[in-house]
């Protein structure tokens, strides 16, 4: 039920109130579901015949926005802006690949990727 609520756009705290589960348990559940979805995507999405691929990027933040970091947090890569880059097959809208990470010139700083 908690995952369904999150997929429908409810906040973690709303899901907490509606299900009676603690928010930390909901976040652990969300992390496990995401990891399983990534494994499934890596296993099933192979050799897709795509003639046109669209790309998009999504901005978000972890804990606080980059501009709100304190001076002692500037070097902390676990807090601040995060980007998700997505490759989408134009006709079916299937997500072919994604990358999550910081926006840097260093390609090693781009984080986890889906194949």
N, C-alpha and C. Protein backbone atom coordinates (compact mmCIF):
# COMPACT_ATOMS: atom_id res chain seq x y z
N UNK A 1 0.82 -1.18 0.00
CA UNK A 1 0.00 0.00 0.00
C UNK A 1 0.87 1.26 0.00
N UNK A 2 1.96 1.24 0.76
CA UNK A 2 2.83 2.42 0.83
C UNK A 2 3.43 2.72 -0.54
N UNK A 3 3.88 1.71 -1.26
CA UNK A 3 4.45 1.92 -2.59
C UNK A 3 3.40 2.46 -3.53
N UNK A 4 2.18 1.93 -3.47
CA UNK A 4 1.09 2.43 -4.32
C UNK A 4 0.83 3.90 -4.04
N UNK A 5 0.82 4.28 -2.78
CA UNK A 5 0.58 5.68 -2.43
C UNK A 5 1.69 6.58 -2.98
N UNK A 6 2.93 6.13 -2.86
CA UNK A 6 4.05 6.92 -3.37
C UNK A 6 3.97 7.05 -4.89
N UNK A 7 3.59 5.98 -5.56
CA UNK A 7 3.44 6.01 -7.02
C UNK A 7 2.32 6.94 -7.45
N UNK A 8 1.33 7.12 -6.61
CA UNK A 8 0.22 8.02 -6.92
C UNK A 8 0.55 9.48 -6.60
N UNK A 9 1.75 9.71 -6.04
CA UNK A 9 2.17 11.08 -5.78
C UNK A 9 2.05 11.53 -4.35
N UNK A 10 1.67 10.64 -3.45
CA UNK A 10 1.59 11.01 -2.04
C UNK A 10 3.00 11.21 -1.48
N UNK A 11 3.11 12.05 -0.50
CA UNK A 11 4.40 12.24 0.17
C UNK A 11 4.67 11.06 1.10
N UNK A 12 5.91 10.96 1.54
CA UNK A 12 6.27 9.90 2.49
C UNK A 12 5.48 10.07 3.78
N UNK A 13 5.34 11.30 4.23
CA UNK A 13 4.59 11.54 5.48
C UNK A 13 3.11 11.22 5.32
N UNK A 14 2.53 11.50 4.15
CA UNK A 14 1.14 11.11 3.90
C UNK A 14 0.99 9.60 3.93
N UNK A 15 1.94 8.90 3.27
CA UNK A 15 1.90 7.44 3.28
C UNK A 15 2.06 6.90 4.69
N UNK A 16 2.87 7.59 5.49
CA UNK A 16 3.06 7.19 6.89
C UNK A 16 1.73 7.29 7.65
N UNK A 17 1.02 8.39 7.48
CA UNK A 17 -0.26 8.57 8.18
C UNK A 17 -1.31 7.56 7.71
N UNK A 18 -1.35 7.30 6.40
CA UNK A 18 -2.39 6.44 5.85
C UNK A 18 -2.15 4.96 6.12
N UNK A 19 -0.89 4.55 6.19
CA UNK A 19 -0.58 3.13 6.38
C UNK A 19 -0.25 2.76 7.81
N UNK A 20 0.17 3.73 8.61
CA UNK A 20 0.60 3.43 9.97
C UNK A 20 2.05 2.97 10.04
N UNK A 21 2.73 2.89 8.89
CA UNK A 21 4.15 2.52 8.88
C UNK A 21 5.00 3.73 9.21
N UNK A 22 6.14 3.50 9.86
CA UNK A 22 7.06 4.59 10.16
C UNK A 22 7.73 5.06 8.87
N UNK A 23 8.02 6.34 8.79
CA UNK A 23 8.60 6.88 7.55
C UNK A 23 9.94 6.25 7.19
N UNK A 24 10.72 5.87 8.17
CA UNK A 24 12.00 5.20 7.87
C UNK A 24 11.76 3.85 7.20
N UNK A 25 10.72 3.14 7.65
CA UNK A 25 10.37 1.85 7.03
C UNK A 25 9.90 2.08 5.58
N UNK A 26 9.14 3.14 5.36
CA UNK A 26 8.67 3.46 4.01
C UNK A 26 9.84 3.80 3.10
N UNK A 27 10.81 4.56 3.60
CA UNK A 27 11.98 4.91 2.80
C UNK A 27 12.82 3.68 2.48
N UNK A 28 12.95 2.75 3.45
CA UNK A 28 13.68 1.50 3.18
C UNK A 28 12.95 0.67 2.12
N UNK A 29 11.63 0.64 2.21
CA UNK A 29 10.81 -0.06 1.23
C UNK A 29 10.96 0.57 -0.16
N UNK A 30 10.95 1.89 -0.21
CA UNK A 30 11.12 2.61 -1.48
C UNK A 30 12.49 2.32 -2.09
N UNK A 31 13.52 2.29 -1.28
CA UNK A 31 14.86 1.98 -1.76
C UNK A 31 14.93 0.56 -2.30
N UNK A 32 14.37 -0.40 -1.58
CA UNK A 32 14.37 -1.79 -2.04
C UNK A 32 13.59 -1.94 -3.35
N UNK A 33 12.45 -1.28 -3.45
CA UNK A 33 11.65 -1.36 -4.68
C UNK A 33 12.42 -0.76 -5.85
N UNK A 34 13.07 0.36 -5.62
CA UNK A 34 13.86 0.99 -6.68
C UNK A 34 15.01 0.11 -7.14
N UNK A 35 15.69 -0.54 -6.20
CA UNK A 35 16.80 -1.43 -6.57
C UNK A 35 16.30 -2.62 -7.37
N UNK A 36 15.16 -3.16 -6.99
CA UNK A 36 14.60 -4.29 -7.73
C UNK A 36 14.15 -3.86 -9.13
N UNK A 37 13.58 -2.68 -9.24
CA UNK A 37 13.18 -2.17 -10.56
C UNK A 37 14.40 -1.96 -11.45
N UNK A 38 15.49 -1.47 -10.88
CA UNK A 38 16.71 -1.28 -11.65
C UNK A 38 17.28 -2.61 -12.13
N UNK A 39 17.27 -3.61 -11.28
CA UNK A 39 17.73 -4.95 -11.69
C UNK A 39 16.87 -5.51 -12.81
N UNK A 40 15.56 -5.34 -12.69
CA UNK A 40 14.65 -5.81 -13.73
C UNK A 40 14.89 -5.08 -15.04
N UNK A 41 15.07 -3.78 -14.97
CA UNK A 41 15.35 -2.98 -16.17
C UNK A 41 16.65 -3.43 -16.83
N UNK A 42 17.68 -3.63 -16.04
CA UNK A 42 18.97 -4.07 -16.57
C UNK A 42 18.87 -5.44 -17.24
N UNK A 43 18.00 -6.30 -16.72
CA UNK A 43 17.86 -7.65 -17.26
C UNK A 43 16.99 -7.69 -18.51
N UNK A 44 15.90 -6.92 -18.54
CA UNK A 44 14.93 -7.03 -19.62
C UNK A 44 15.12 -6.07 -20.79
N UNK A 45 15.65 -4.91 -20.53
CA UNK A 45 15.77 -3.93 -21.62
C UNK A 45 17.13 -4.10 -22.29
N UNK A 46 17.12 -4.89 -23.35
CA UNK A 46 18.33 -5.21 -24.12
C UNK A 46 17.99 -5.18 -25.60
N UNK A 47 18.91 -4.69 -26.40
CA UNK A 47 18.79 -4.71 -27.87
C UNK A 47 17.45 -4.17 -28.36
N UNK A 48 17.00 -3.07 -27.81
CA UNK A 48 15.75 -2.45 -28.24
C UNK A 48 15.99 -1.74 -29.57
N UNK A 49 15.21 -2.08 -30.61
CA UNK A 49 15.39 -1.40 -31.90
C UNK A 49 14.82 0.02 -31.83
N UNK A 50 15.68 0.98 -31.63
CA UNK A 50 15.24 2.37 -31.51
C UNK A 50 15.87 3.20 -32.63
N UNK A 51 15.02 3.86 -33.39
CA UNK A 51 15.54 4.73 -34.46
C UNK A 51 15.62 6.18 -34.00
N UNK A 52 14.78 6.54 -33.04
CA UNK A 52 14.80 7.90 -32.49
C UNK A 52 14.77 7.83 -30.97
N UNK A 53 15.73 8.49 -30.36
CA UNK A 53 15.81 8.50 -28.91
C UNK A 53 15.76 9.96 -28.44
N UNK A 54 14.89 10.21 -27.47
CA UNK A 54 14.80 11.52 -26.85
C UNK A 54 15.57 11.48 -25.54
N UNK A 55 16.09 12.62 -25.15
CA UNK A 55 16.77 12.70 -23.87
C UNK A 55 16.13 13.81 -23.05
N UNK A 56 16.23 13.66 -21.76
CA UNK A 56 15.70 14.68 -20.86
C UNK A 56 16.52 14.65 -19.59
N UNK A 57 16.43 15.72 -18.84
CA UNK A 57 17.11 15.77 -17.55
C UNK A 57 16.14 16.28 -16.50
N UNK A 58 16.30 15.78 -15.30
CA UNK A 58 15.43 16.13 -14.20
C UNK A 58 16.31 16.59 -13.05
N UNK A 59 16.02 17.76 -12.51
CA UNK A 59 16.79 18.28 -11.39
C UNK A 59 16.06 18.00 -10.09
N UNK A 60 16.82 17.71 -9.07
CA UNK A 60 16.28 17.55 -7.73
C UNK A 60 17.37 17.88 -6.73
N UNK A 61 17.10 17.66 -5.48
CA UNK A 61 18.13 17.89 -4.47
C UNK A 61 17.98 16.89 -3.34
N UNK A 62 19.08 16.68 -2.66
CA UNK A 62 19.11 15.79 -1.50
C UNK A 62 19.37 16.64 -0.28
N UNK A 63 18.45 16.62 0.66
CA UNK A 63 18.53 17.34 1.94
C UNK A 63 18.34 18.85 1.78
N UNK A 64 19.07 19.49 0.87
CA UNK A 64 18.93 20.93 0.65
C UNK A 64 19.48 21.30 -0.71
N UNK A 65 19.02 22.44 -1.22
CA UNK A 65 19.49 22.92 -2.51
C UNK A 65 20.96 23.34 -2.40
N UNK A 66 21.66 23.26 -3.52
CA UNK A 66 23.09 23.58 -3.55
C UNK A 66 23.37 24.98 -2.98
N UNK A 67 22.53 25.94 -3.34
CA UNK A 67 22.74 27.32 -2.88
C UNK A 67 22.50 27.53 -1.40
N UNK A 68 21.90 26.56 -0.73
CA UNK A 68 21.63 26.69 0.70
C UNK A 68 22.64 25.95 1.56
N UNK A 69 23.65 25.37 0.95
CA UNK A 69 24.67 24.67 1.72
C UNK A 69 25.48 25.65 2.55
N UNK A 70 25.83 25.24 3.75
CA UNK A 70 26.73 26.02 4.59
C UNK A 70 28.16 25.86 4.07
N UNK A 71 29.06 26.77 4.41
CA UNK A 71 30.44 26.66 3.91
C UNK A 71 31.10 25.31 4.23
N UNK A 72 30.78 24.73 5.39
CA UNK A 72 31.38 23.45 5.75
C UNK A 72 30.76 22.28 4.97
N UNK A 73 29.69 22.53 4.20
CA UNK A 73 29.04 21.47 3.43
C UNK A 73 29.39 21.50 1.95
N UNK A 74 30.14 22.50 1.50
CA UNK A 74 30.42 22.64 0.07
C UNK A 74 31.06 21.41 -0.55
N UNK A 75 31.92 20.73 0.19
CA UNK A 75 32.60 19.55 -0.34
C UNK A 75 31.81 18.26 -0.12
N UNK A 76 30.68 18.33 0.57
CA UNK A 76 29.87 17.15 0.87
C UNK A 76 29.03 16.79 -0.36
N UNK A 77 29.40 15.72 -1.05
CA UNK A 77 28.71 15.28 -2.27
C UNK A 77 27.40 14.57 -1.99
N UNK A 78 27.09 14.29 -0.73
CA UNK A 78 25.85 13.59 -0.40
C UNK A 78 24.70 14.56 -0.13
N UNK A 79 24.98 15.85 -0.20
CA UNK A 79 23.98 16.89 0.04
C UNK A 79 24.01 17.86 -1.13
N UNK A 80 22.83 18.26 -1.59
CA UNK A 80 22.77 19.29 -2.63
C UNK A 80 22.10 18.81 -3.90
N UNK A 81 22.38 19.52 -4.99
CA UNK A 81 21.73 19.25 -6.27
C UNK A 81 22.08 17.86 -6.81
N UNK A 82 21.10 17.24 -7.44
CA UNK A 82 21.30 15.95 -8.10
C UNK A 82 20.52 15.99 -9.41
N UNK A 83 21.06 15.34 -10.42
CA UNK A 83 20.44 15.34 -11.75
C UNK A 83 20.19 13.90 -12.19
N UNK A 84 19.09 13.70 -12.90
CA UNK A 84 18.80 12.42 -13.53
C UNK A 84 18.68 12.67 -15.02
N UNK A 85 19.52 12.02 -15.81
CA UNK A 85 19.47 12.11 -17.26
C UNK A 85 18.81 10.84 -17.78
N UNK A 86 17.87 10.99 -18.70
CA UNK A 86 17.07 9.87 -19.17
C UNK A 86 17.10 9.81 -20.69
N UNK A 87 17.27 8.58 -21.23
CA UNK A 87 17.15 8.33 -22.67
C UNK A 87 15.85 7.57 -22.89
N UNK A 88 14.98 8.11 -23.74
CA UNK A 88 13.63 7.57 -23.94
C UNK A 88 13.41 7.26 -25.42
N UNK A 89 12.90 6.07 -25.72
CA UNK A 89 12.55 5.74 -27.11
C UNK A 89 11.33 6.57 -27.49
N UNK A 90 11.41 7.28 -28.62
CA UNK A 90 10.42 8.30 -28.97
C UNK A 90 9.00 7.76 -29.13
N UNK A 91 8.82 6.63 -29.77
CA UNK A 91 7.47 6.15 -30.07
C UNK A 91 6.80 5.45 -28.90
N UNK A 92 7.52 4.62 -28.17
CA UNK A 92 6.91 3.86 -27.07
C UNK A 92 7.06 4.56 -25.72
N UNK A 93 7.96 5.55 -25.65
CA UNK A 93 8.29 6.26 -24.41
C UNK A 93 8.96 5.35 -23.38
N UNK A 94 9.55 4.25 -23.85
CA UNK A 94 10.28 3.33 -22.97
C UNK A 94 11.59 3.99 -22.54
N UNK A 95 11.87 3.92 -21.25
CA UNK A 95 13.15 4.43 -20.74
C UNK A 95 14.21 3.40 -21.07
N UNK A 96 15.17 3.80 -21.91
CA UNK A 96 16.22 2.88 -22.33
C UNK A 96 17.41 2.89 -21.39
N UNK A 97 17.73 4.05 -20.85
CA UNK A 97 18.87 4.18 -19.95
C UNK A 97 18.71 5.45 -19.13
N UNK A 98 19.42 5.49 -18.01
CA UNK A 98 19.40 6.69 -17.18
C UNK A 98 20.72 6.80 -16.43
N UNK A 99 21.02 7.99 -15.99
CA UNK A 99 22.19 8.23 -15.16
C UNK A 99 21.79 9.23 -14.08
N UNK A 100 22.23 9.00 -12.86
CA UNK A 100 21.92 9.87 -11.73
C UNK A 100 23.22 10.35 -11.13
N UNK A 101 23.33 11.64 -10.89
CA UNK A 101 24.54 12.13 -10.25
C UNK A 101 24.62 13.63 -10.22
N UNK A 102 25.82 14.10 -9.96
CA UNK A 102 26.09 15.53 -9.90
C UNK A 102 26.34 16.04 -11.31
N UNK A 103 26.16 17.31 -11.52
CA UNK A 103 26.45 17.92 -12.82
C UNK A 103 27.88 18.43 -12.77
N UNK A 104 28.80 17.60 -13.29
CA UNK A 104 30.22 17.94 -13.29
C UNK A 104 30.79 17.68 -14.67
N UNK A 105 31.99 18.19 -14.90
CA UNK A 105 32.69 17.90 -16.15
C UNK A 105 33.37 16.54 -16.11
N UNK A 106 33.55 16.00 -14.92
CA UNK A 106 34.18 14.70 -14.72
C UNK A 106 33.16 13.59 -15.00
N UNK A 107 33.35 12.77 -16.06
CA UNK A 107 32.36 11.72 -16.37
C UNK A 107 32.26 10.68 -15.25
N UNK A 108 33.29 10.55 -14.42
CA UNK A 108 33.20 9.60 -13.31
C UNK A 108 32.29 10.11 -12.21
N UNK A 109 31.95 11.40 -12.24
CA UNK A 109 31.09 11.99 -11.21
C UNK A 109 29.63 11.87 -11.53
N UNK A 110 29.29 11.13 -12.60
CA UNK A 110 27.88 11.08 -13.02
C UNK A 110 27.06 10.07 -12.25
N UNK A 111 27.66 9.24 -11.43
CA UNK A 111 26.88 8.36 -10.56
C UNK A 111 26.42 7.08 -11.22
N UNK A 112 25.35 6.51 -10.67
CA UNK A 112 24.82 5.20 -11.07
C UNK A 112 24.08 5.30 -12.40
N UNK A 113 24.24 4.28 -13.23
CA UNK A 113 23.55 4.31 -14.52
C UNK A 113 22.75 3.03 -14.72
N UNK A 114 21.69 3.14 -15.45
CA UNK A 114 20.91 1.97 -15.87
C UNK A 114 21.27 1.69 -17.32
N UNK A 115 21.30 0.45 -17.72
CA UNK A 115 21.69 0.10 -19.08
C UNK A 115 20.50 0.02 -19.98
